[in-house]
Amino acid sequence: MAIKDYKIIILTILTVAAGLALVGTESRLSLAQAPQADPQKGSPGAAGQPSEPSSMPGMDMGQGSPTAKTETKIEISTGGNVIPAGSSDAVRFTGQEWSEFNHRGAGWFLFFWGLTALLAGLQWPRKTWWRLAPGVVLLGLVEFLFIRNDPESWPTGSIGLWDSLRDPEVFQHRVFVILLILIAVVELLRAGDKLTPFFARYALPILASLGGIYLFFHKHGGAAMQKMAQQMANPAVASSPAMQSMMAAMATIKHEHLWFSILGFGLAGAKLLADLGKLKGRLGATLWTLFAIVLGIYMMGYVE
């Protein structure tokens, strides 16, 4: 191995370590710096005033609005799991705020993934150190989602890894993280010319397609959403303003995830055409990156 190769490896390791440390520190600081509820203002989580956490992430059914921002000591309720008051996981965030921040943060990572890949593609046919950057950015996204995906579950929450996997939403989040790890590894190995022709040609399109397909079956809201769907059989519940608001919010979420899938399929298709030689030169090296950039920008405006 040439000295130049060692320099590239060392640079990559240092960059990955710095990026992961930065993202991990930011995520932990966002938890530590969350303001505490003021019991003097009659917060629902104050002593002597039992709180009633919403049944859906970020949705207080008692308020009749899916965007209610009730701040309590029992606040994070993603995936149908509620963090008990007084635990080290209790943070003054609604599930909706937590989820929106995660999606928007992931959007920034995807944007920079596409941007760095675009810069590398514009240098075609030359191979520079830029070809390593996309994989490094994806590893940063993996760290970000690994820490923040499910705050009530391992590694940051009180629910153990195996117990948390019983929740469909948490399980699917773990699968998405595994897919991202595989894509990041493929990107780095591909940049170092360490993949066989078959995997260099098909690995990324296949993984991107799997992610797009899996999004069609993503159960946003987890066990809590399943319970809410069962209550729709009751006409009185189904016609209530709170339920109507919740269903409107879920329709918005499904619409957004549909576009996530469409852009993911576009990325996979453009990459496959380039690797098969149907799209040649810089067009083939850059077209797929535009789908990643657009997907990132779209996710930056994610709302529930």
Protein backbone atom coordinates (compact mmCIF):
# COMPACT_ATOMS: atom_id res chain seq x y z
CA MET A 1 0.00 0.00 0.00
CA ALA A 2 1.38 3.40 -1.00
CA ILE A 3 2.02 6.19 1.47
CA LYS A 4 -0.73 8.19 -0.23
CA ASP A 5 -3.23 5.45 0.61
CA TYR A 6 -2.25 5.52 4.26
CA LYS A 7 -2.76 9.29 4.35
CA ILE A 8 -6.24 8.90 2.91
CA ILE A 9 -7.13 6.21 5.46
CA ILE A 10 -5.83 8.30 8.37
CA LEU A 11 -7.67 11.39 7.10
CA THR A 12 -10.89 9.41 6.77
CA ILE A 13 -10.62 7.95 10.28
CA LEU A 14 -9.94 11.36 11.81
CA THR A 15 -12.78 12.97 9.86
CA VAL A 16 -15.24 10.25 10.86
CA ALA A 17 -14.19 10.46 14.50
CA ALA A 18 -14.52 14.26 14.55
CA GLY A 19 -17.88 14.19 12.78
CA LEU A 20 -19.38 11.52 15.02
CA ALA A 21 -18.09 13.24 18.15
CA LEU A 22 -19.60 16.54 17.02
CA VAL A 23 -23.00 15.04 16.21
CA GLY A 24 -23.06 12.97 19.39
CA THR A 25 -22.15 15.97 21.52
CA GLU A 26 -24.82 18.11 19.88
CA SER A 27 -27.47 15.48 20.47
CA ARG A 28 -26.59 15.06 24.13
CA LEU A 29 -26.43 18.82 24.70
CA SER A 30 -29.91 19.21 23.20
CA LEU A 31 -31.13 16.85 25.91
CA ALA A 32 -29.13 18.35 28.76
CA GLN A 33 -30.06 21.95 27.94
CA ALA A 34 -33.80 21.37 27.69
CA PRO A 35 -35.62 23.78 30.03
CA GLN A 36 -37.30 22.28 33.07
CA ALA A 37 -41.01 22.52 33.72
CA ASP A 38 -42.03 25.12 36.27
CA PRO A 39 -44.28 23.58 38.93
CA GLN A 40 -45.37 27.08 40.05
CA LYS A 41 -47.12 27.56 36.71
CA GLY A 42 -49.36 24.60 37.16
CA SER A 43 -47.61 22.28 34.75
CA PRO A 44 -49.45 18.99 34.40
CA GLY A 45 -46.35 17.20 35.62
CA ALA A 46 -46.08 19.22 38.83
CA ALA A 47 -46.41 17.62 42.22
CA GLY A 48 -49.99 16.92 43.13
CA GLN A 49 -51.14 17.45 39.55
CA PRO A 50 -50.97 14.16 37.65
CA SER A 51 -50.13 14.60 34.03
CA GLU A 52 -51.92 12.95 31.17
CA PRO A 53 -49.52 12.26 28.35
CA SER A 54 -50.90 12.24 24.87
CA SER A 55 -51.66 8.94 23.22
CA MET A 56 -49.86 9.95 20.04
CA PRO A 57 -46.42 11.52 19.69
CA GLY A 58 -46.87 15.26 20.09
CA MET A 59 -50.65 14.95 20.17
CA ASP A 60 -52.73 15.80 23.22
CA MET A 61 -56.10 14.27 22.50
CA GLY A 62 -57.61 16.19 25.37
CA GLN A 63 -56.75 19.44 23.62
CA GLY A 64 -58.33 18.37 20.34
CA SER A 65 -55.24 19.31 18.34
CA PRO A 66 -52.43 17.19 16.89
CA THR A 67 -50.02 20.06 17.36
CA ALA A 68 -50.58 20.73 21.02
CA LYS A 69 -47.34 21.63 22.78
CA THR A 70 -48.22 20.69 26.36
CA GLU A 71 -44.90 20.57 28.21
CA THR A 72 -44.73 18.19 31.11
CA LYS A 73 -42.32 15.99 32.98
CA ILE A 74 -43.90 13.06 31.18
CA GLU A 75 -43.33 14.39 27.73
CA ILE A 76 -41.69 12.06 25.25
CA SER A 77 -44.23 9.51 24.10
CA THR A 78 -42.89 8.26 20.77
CA GLY A 79 -43.63 4.73 19.72
CA GLY A 80 -46.36 4.36 22.31
CA ASN A 81 -43.89 4.31 25.22
CA VAL A 82 -44.14 7.02 27.85
CA ILE A 83 -41.18 8.04 29.97
CA PRO A 84 -42.13 8.14 33.67
CA ALA A 85 -41.90 11.36 35.61
CA GLY A 86 -38.70 11.85 37.56
CA SER A 87 -36.67 9.49 35.36
CA SER A 88 -33.38 10.52 33.83
CA ASP A 89 -35.07 10.38 30.40
CA ALA A 90 -37.78 12.94 31.19
CA VAL A 91 -37.21 15.87 28.85
CA ARG A 92 -39.39 18.88 28.22
CA PHE A 93 -40.05 18.08 24.58
CA THR A 94 -43.23 16.90 22.89
CA GLY A 95 -42.98 13.83 20.72
CA GLN A 96 -43.91 15.96 17.71
CA GLU A 97 -41.06 18.40 18.31
CA TRP A 98 -38.61 15.54 18.80
CA SER A 99 -39.71 13.81 15.58
CA GLU A 100 -39.67 16.98 13.50
CA PHE A 101 -36.16 17.83 14.70
CA ASN A 102 -34.97 14.32 13.82
CA HIS A 103 -36.40 14.42 10.31
CA ARG A 104 -35.07 17.90 9.62
CA GLY A 105 -31.66 17.02 11.04
CA ALA A 106 -31.56 13.92 8.84
CA GLY A 107 -32.48 16.15 5.91
CA TRP A 108 -29.37 18.25 6.46
CA PHE A 109 -27.19 15.14 6.48
CA LEU A 110 -28.79 13.85 3.26
CA PHE A 111 -28.33 17.26 1.67
CA PHE A 112 -24.61 17.27 2.46
CA TRP A 113 -24.34 13.63 1.36
CA GLY A 114 -25.72 14.57 -2.05
CA LEU A 115 -23.67 17.78 -2.20
CA THR A 116 -20.35 16.06 -1.46
CA ALA A 117 -21.21 13.29 -3.95
CA LEU A 118 -22.06 15.98 -6.52
CA LEU A 119 -18.69 17.67 -6.01
CA ALA A 120 -16.95 14.32 -6.40
CA GLY A 121 -18.95 13.56 -9.55
CA LEU A 122 -18.13 16.92 -11.13
CA GLN A 123 -14.46 15.97 -10.94
CA TRP A 124 -15.04 12.88 -13.10
CA PRO A 125 -12.94 11.12 -14.37
CA ARG A 126 -10.40 12.30 -11.80
CA LYS A 127 -10.52 10.62 -8.39
CA THR A 128 -9.77 12.94 -5.48
CA TRP A 129 -10.27 12.81 -1.73
CA TRP A 130 -13.79 14.18 -2.25
CA ARG A 131 -14.91 10.66 -3.14
CA LEU A 132 -14.50 9.73 0.54
CA ALA A 133 -16.69 12.55 1.86
CA PRO A 134 -20.15 11.10 1.04
CA GLY A 135 -19.54 7.98 3.09
CA VAL A 136 -18.25 10.04 6.00
CA VAL A 137 -21.39 12.21 5.96
CA LEU A 138 -23.59 9.09 6.04
CA LEU A 139 -21.72 7.78 9.07
CA GLY A 140 -22.54 11.07 10.77
CA LEU A 141 -26.22 10.53 9.92
CA VAL A 142 -26.03 7.03 11.41
CA GLU A 143 -24.66 8.46 14.68
CA PHE A 144 -27.33 11.18 14.73
CA LEU A 145 -30.22 8.73 14.26
CA PHE A 146 -28.72 6.07 16.53
CA ILE A 147 -28.77 8.54 19.43
CA ARG A 148 -31.96 10.47 18.71
CA ASN A 149 -34.37 8.08 16.94
CA ASP A 150 -36.18 6.76 20.02
CA PRO A 151 -35.39 8.74 23.19
CA GLU A 152 -37.26 6.35 25.47
CA SER A 153 -35.26 3.35 24.23
CA TRP A 154 -31.68 2.13 24.31
CA PRO A 155 -29.05 3.65 24.12
CA THR A 156 -30.40 6.89 25.64
CA GLY A 157 -33.62 5.70 27.27
CA SER A 158 -34.61 3.37 30.05
CA ILE A 159 -36.14 0.69 27.79
CA GLY A 160 -33.65 -2.05 26.89
CA LEU A 161 -32.67 -2.89 23.32
CA TRP A 162 -34.60 -6.15 23.02
CA ASP A 163 -37.69 -4.82 24.79
CA SER A 164 -37.74 -1.74 22.55
CA LEU A 165 -37.74 -3.90 19.41
CA ARG A 166 -41.24 -5.12 20.30
CA ASP A 167 -42.52 -1.72 19.23
CA PRO A 168 -43.01 -1.76 15.40
CA GLU A 169 -41.87 1.86 14.98
CA VAL A 170 -38.68 1.36 17.01
CA PHE A 171 -37.92 -1.86 15.13
CA GLN A 172 -38.30 -0.11 11.79
CA HIS A 173 -36.06 2.75 12.92
CA ARG A 174 -33.34 0.20 13.74
CA VAL A 175 -33.70 -1.34 10.27
CA PHE A 176 -33.32 2.09 8.65
CA VAL A 177 -30.13 2.70 10.65
CA ILE A 178 -28.74 -0.67 9.50
CA LEU A 179 -29.53 0.23 5.88
CA LEU A 180 -27.71 3.55 6.30
CA ILE A 181 -24.68 1.81 7.78
CA LEU A 182 -24.57 -0.54 4.79
CA ILE A 183 -24.88 2.36 2.34
CA ALA A 184 -22.08 4.25 4.13
CA VAL A 185 -19.80 1.21 4.05
CA VAL A 186 -20.57 0.66 0.36
CA GLU A 187 -19.77 4.30 -0.39
CA LEU A 188 -16.42 4.14 1.39
CA LEU A 189 -15.42 0.80 -0.12
CA ARG A 190 -16.48 1.99 -3.54
CA ALA A 191 -14.42 5.18 -3.14
CA GLY A 192 -11.39 3.05 -2.27
CA ASP A 193 -11.99 0.70 -5.24
CA LYS A 194 -12.41 -2.23 -2.83
CA LEU A 195 -15.71 -3.59 -4.20
CA THR A 196 -16.14 -6.29 -6.80
CA PRO A 197 -17.74 -5.10 -10.08
CA PHE A 198 -21.07 -6.68 -9.14
CA PHE A 199 -21.36 -4.93 -5.75
CA ALA A 200 -19.94 -1.68 -7.11
CA ARG A 201 -22.71 -1.70 -9.71
CA TYR A 202 -25.73 -2.94 -7.77
CA ALA A 203 -25.15 -2.48 -4.02
CA LEU A 204 -26.23 1.16 -3.65
CA PRO A 205 -29.29 0.96 -5.97
CA ILE A 206 -30.49 -2.17 -4.17
CA LEU A 207 -30.07 -0.67 -0.70
CA ALA A 208 -31.73 2.60 -1.73
CA SER A 209 -34.66 0.68 -3.25
CA LEU A 210 -35.04 -1.39 -0.08
CA GLY A 211 -35.20 1.82 1.95
CA GLY A 212 -37.85 3.27 -0.36
CA ILE A 213 -39.96 0.11 -0.23
CA TYR A 214 -39.65 -0.13 3.53
CA LEU A 215 -40.95 3.42 3.92
CA PHE A 216 -44.28 2.29 2.46
CA PHE A 217 -44.71 0.04 5.51
CA HIS A 218 -43.37 2.49 8.09
CA LYS A 219 -45.76 2.55 11.08
CA HIS A 220 -45.44 6.12 12.30
CA GLY A 221 -46.65 6.32 15.89
CA GLY A 222 -45.97 2.67 16.63
CA ALA A 223 -48.21 0.87 19.11
CA ALA A 224 -50.03 4.09 20.03
CA MET A 225 -51.11 4.60 16.43
CA GLN A 226 -52.41 1.04 16.23
CA LYS A 227 -54.57 1.64 19.31
CA MET A 228 -55.91 4.85 17.79
CA ALA A 229 -56.79 3.05 14.56
CA GLN A 230 -58.77 0.49 16.55
CA GLN A 231 -60.77 3.26 18.19
CA MET A 232 -61.90 4.49 14.77
CA ALA A 233 -64.49 1.68 14.84
CA ASN A 234 -66.35 3.70 17.48
CA PRO A 235 -68.43 6.34 15.62
CA ALA A 236 -68.36 8.71 18.59
CA VAL A 237 -64.57 8.62 18.73
CA ALA A 238 -64.13 8.74 14.96
CA SER A 239 -66.25 11.90 14.65
CA SER A 240 -64.57 13.76 17.51
CA PRO A 241 -62.54 16.87 16.61
CA ALA A 242 -59.47 15.40 18.30
CA MET A 243 -59.58 12.24 16.19
CA GLN A 244 -60.25 14.20 13.00
CA SER A 245 -57.25 16.41 13.71
CA MET A 246 -55.09 13.38 14.43
CA MET A 247 -56.11 11.66 11.19
CA ALA A 248 -55.37 14.84 9.22
CA ALA A 249 -51.90 14.95 10.78
CA MET A 250 -51.29 11.28 9.95
CA ALA A 251 -52.38 11.91 6.35
CA THR A 252 -49.76 14.66 6.12
CA ILE A 253 -47.10 12.32 7.49
CA LYS A 254 -48.02 9.57 5.01
CA HIS A 255 -47.88 12.06 2.14
CA GLU A 256 -44.40 13.18 3.17
CA HIS A 257 -43.13 9.61 3.53
CA LEU A 258 -44.53 8.82 0.09
CA TRP A 259 -42.32 11.54 -1.37
CA PHE A 260 -39.37 10.19 0.62
CA SER A 261 -39.92 6.88 -1.17
CA ILE A 262 -40.37 8.43 -4.61
CA LEU A 263 -37.15 10.41 -4.34
CA GLY A 264 -35.38 7.33 -3.00
CA PHE A 265 -36.50 5.31 -6.03
CA GLY A 266 -35.35 8.13 -8.32
CA LEU A 267 -31.93 8.07 -6.67
CA ALA A 268 -31.68 4.29 -7.02
CA GLY A 269 -32.77 4.36 -10.66
CA ALA A 270 -30.35 7.11 -11.68
CA LYS A 271 -27.48 5.39 -9.88
CA LEU A 272 -28.25 2.05 -11.51
CA LEU A 273 -28.41 3.59 -14.99
CA ALA A 274 -25.06 5.27 -14.40
CA ASP A 275 -23.41 2.09 -13.14
CA LEU A 276 -24.81 0.09 -16.09
CA GLY A 277 -23.27 2.60 -18.49
CA LYS A 278 -26.62 3.96 -19.72
CA LEU A 279 -25.77 7.38 -18.31
CA LYS A 280 -22.18 8.20 -19.10
CA GLY A 281 -19.58 10.69 -17.96
CA ARG A 282 -20.40 13.48 -15.55
CA LEU A 283 -24.15 13.12 -16.15
CA GLY A 284 -24.08 9.60 -14.78
CA ALA A 285 -21.76 10.62 -11.94
CA THR A 286 -23.95 13.52 -10.81
CA LEU A 287 -27.62 12.91 -11.70
CA TRP A 288 -28.32 10.57 -8.77
CA THR A 289 -26.82 13.08 -6.34
CA LEU A 290 -29.52 15.61 -7.27
CA PHE A 291 -32.18 13.25 -5.92
CA ALA A 292 -30.28 13.05 -2.61
CA ILE A 293 -30.02 16.85 -2.46
CA VAL A 294 -33.74 17.36 -3.22
CA LEU A 295 -34.68 14.70 -0.67
CA GLY A 296 -32.57 16.45 1.96
CA ILE A 297 -34.13 19.83 1.21
CA TYR A 298 -37.62 18.32 1.34
CA MET A 299 -36.93 16.72 4.71
CA MET A 300 -35.68 20.05 6.11
CA GLY A 301 -39.28 21.27 5.95
CA TYR A 302 -40.79 18.17 7.57
CA VAL A 303 -43.87 18.85 9.70
CA GLU A 304 -46.40 16.69 11.49
